């Protein structure tokens, strides 16, 4: 379930194909609990803006691309 979130779908795909454990990704991103990764993947919570850079680095994603996706989905009027 991704609740129609393009960001969640994209991140879930990258996480599932990346071969890293969610607990390791969570640690790299600065989340205390790995369940935050699950919640972001499922679209139950948004990736906090201040975690976009660390998430991009952890998943080897261009941070500009991830930032653009998040802004377009989370804050379309601002974007």
C-alpha atoms as a PDB file:
ATOM      1  CA  UNK A   1       0.000   0.000   0.000  1.00  0.00           C
ATOM      2  CA  UNK A   2       1.400   3.371  -1.019  1.00  0.00           C
ATOM      3  CA  UNK A   3      -1.743   5.503  -0.596  1.00  0.00           C
ATOM      4  CA  UNK A   4      -1.234   6.913  -4.096  1.00  0.00           C
ATOM      5  CA  UNK A   5       2.098   8.454  -3.112  1.00  0.00           C
ATOM      6  CA  UNK A   6       4.691   8.636  -5.864  1.00  0.00           C
ATOM      7  CA  UNK A   7       7.396   9.331  -3.290  1.00  0.00           C
ATOM      8  CA  UNK A   8       6.415   6.260  -1.258  1.00  0.00           C
ATOM      9  CA  UNK A   9       6.298   4.053  -4.360  1.00  0.00           C
ATOM     10  CA  UNK A  10       9.679   5.327  -5.565  1.00  0.00           C
ATOM     11  CA  UNK A  11      11.350   4.900  -2.179  1.00  0.00           C
ATOM     12  CA  UNK A  12       9.803   1.461  -1.617  1.00  0.00           C
ATOM     13  CA  UNK A  13      11.165   0.318  -4.960  1.00  0.00           C
ATOM     14  CA  UNK A  14      14.644   1.672  -4.242  1.00  0.00           C
ATOM     15  CA  UNK A  15      14.685   0.162  -0.747  1.00  0.00           C
ATOM     16  CA  UNK A  16      13.455  -3.238  -1.920  1.00  0.00           C
ATOM     17  CA  UNK A  17      16.013  -3.466  -4.739  1.00  0.00           C
ATOM     18  CA  UNK A  18      18.893  -1.888  -2.827  1.00  0.00           C
ATOM     19  CA  UNK A  19      19.770  -4.874  -0.687  1.00  0.00           C
ATOM     20  CA  UNK A  20      20.088  -2.930   2.580  1.00  0.00           C
ATOM     21  CA  UNK A  21      18.261  -3.711   5.778  1.00  0.00           C
ATOM     22  CA  UNK A  22      15.674  -1.137   6.778  1.00  0.00           C
ATOM     23  CA  UNK A  23      17.321  -0.764  10.181  1.00  0.00           C
ATOM     24  CA  UNK A  24      20.586   0.207   8.465  1.00  0.00           C
ATOM     25  CA  UNK A  25      18.809   2.728   6.231  1.00  0.00           C
ATOM     26  CA  UNK A  26      16.969   4.150   9.247  1.00  0.00           C
ATOM     27  CA  UNK A  27      20.259   4.591  11.078  1.00  0.00           C
ATOM     28  CA  UNK A  28      21.859   6.364   8.099  1.00  0.00           C
ATOM     29  CA  UNK A  29      18.845   8.655   7.715  1.00  0.00           C
ATOM     30  CA  UNK A  30      18.726   9.456  11.432  1.00  0.00           C
ATOM     31  CA  UNK A  31      15.497   7.699  12.402  1.00  0.00           C
ATOM     32  CA  UNK A  32      15.546   6.096  15.839  1.00  0.00           C
ATOM     33  CA  UNK A  33      13.245   3.278  14.740  1.00  0.00           C
ATOM     34  CA  UNK A  34      13.256   1.300  11.480  1.00  0.00           C
ATOM     35  CA  UNK A  35       9.442   1.361  11.400  1.00  0.00           C
ATOM     36  CA  UNK A  36       9.711   4.956  10.134  1.00  0.00           C
ATOM     37  CA  UNK A  37      11.137   3.535   6.908  1.00  0.00           C
ATOM     38  CA  UNK A  38       8.136   1.200   6.651  1.00  0.00           C
ATOM     39  CA  UNK A  39       5.730   4.083   7.252  1.00  0.00           C
ATOM     40  CA  UNK A  40       7.400   6.215   4.554  1.00  0.00           C
ATOM     41  CA  UNK A  41       7.405   3.276   2.126  1.00  0.00           C
ATOM     42  CA  UNK A  42       3.701   2.707   2.720  1.00  0.00           C
ATOM     43  CA  UNK A  43       2.828   6.368   2.351  1.00  0.00           C
ATOM     44  CA  UNK A  44       1.564   6.513   5.938  1.00  0.00           C
ATOM     45  CA  UNK A  45       3.978   9.329   6.748  1.00  0.00           C
ATOM     46  CA  UNK A  46       5.890  11.806   4.657  1.00  0.00           C
ATOM     47  CA  UNK A  47       9.645  11.838   4.454  1.00  0.00           C
ATOM     48  CA  UNK A  48      10.612  14.880   6.539  1.00  0.00           C
ATOM     49  CA  UNK A  49      12.275  17.589   4.452  1.00  0.00           C
ATOM     50  CA  UNK A  50      15.359  17.517   6.670  1.00  0.00           C
ATOM     51  CA  UNK A  51      15.777  13.790   5.988  1.00  0.00           C
ATOM     52  CA  UNK A  52      15.689  14.017   2.174  1.00  0.00           C
ATOM     53  CA  UNK A  53      19.464  14.470   1.872  1.00  0.00           C
ATOM     54  CA  UNK A  54      20.376  11.605   4.203  1.00  0.00           C
ATOM     55  CA  UNK A  55      17.767   9.328   2.558  1.00  0.00           C
ATOM     56  CA  UNK A  56      19.105  10.154  -0.897  1.00  0.00           C
ATOM     57  CA  UNK A  57      22.636   9.411   0.250  1.00  0.00           C
ATOM     58  CA  UNK A  58      21.619   6.154   1.948  1.00  0.00           C
ATOM     59  CA  UNK A  59      19.815   4.936  -1.187  1.00  0.00           C
ATOM     60  CA  UNK A  60      22.291   6.423  -3.671  1.00  0.00           C
ATOM     61  CA  UNK A  61      19.614   8.649  -5.211  1.00  0.00           C
ATOM     62  CA  UNK A  62      20.244  12.116  -6.631  1.00  0.00           C
ATOM     63  CA  UNK A  63      19.126  14.370  -3.757  1.00  0.00           C
ATOM     64  CA  UNK A  64      17.796  16.993  -6.181  1.00  0.00           C
ATOM     65  CA  UNK A  65      15.521  14.412  -7.793  1.00  0.00           C
ATOM     66  CA  UNK A  66      14.231  13.206  -4.420  1.00  0.00           C
ATOM     67  CA  UNK A  67      13.770  16.770  -3.158  1.00  0.00           C
ATOM     68  CA  UNK A  68      11.839  17.676  -6.313  1.00  0.00           C
ATOM     69  CA  UNK A  69       9.577  14.645  -5.949  1.00  0.00           C
ATOM     70  CA  UNK A  70       8.889  15.415  -2.286  1.00  0.00           C
ATOM     71  CA  UNK A  71       8.184  19.096  -2.874  1.00  0.00           C
ATOM     72  CA  UNK A  72       5.923  18.408  -5.847  1.00  0.00           C
ATOM     73  CA  UNK A  73       3.894  15.880  -3.847  1.00  0.00           C
ATOM     74  CA  UNK A  74       3.978  17.354  -0.344  1.00  0.00           C
ATOM     75  CA  UNK A  75       3.918  21.088  -1.120  1.00  0.00           C
ATOM     76  CA  UNK A  76       2.618  21.542  -4.690  1.00  0.00           C
ATOM     77  CA  UNK A  77       1.541  25.162  -4.170  1.00  0.00           C
ATOM     78  CA  UNK A  78       4.979  26.138  -2.933  1.00  0.00           C
ATOM     79  CA  UNK A  79       6.689  24.121  -5.639  1.00  0.00           C
END
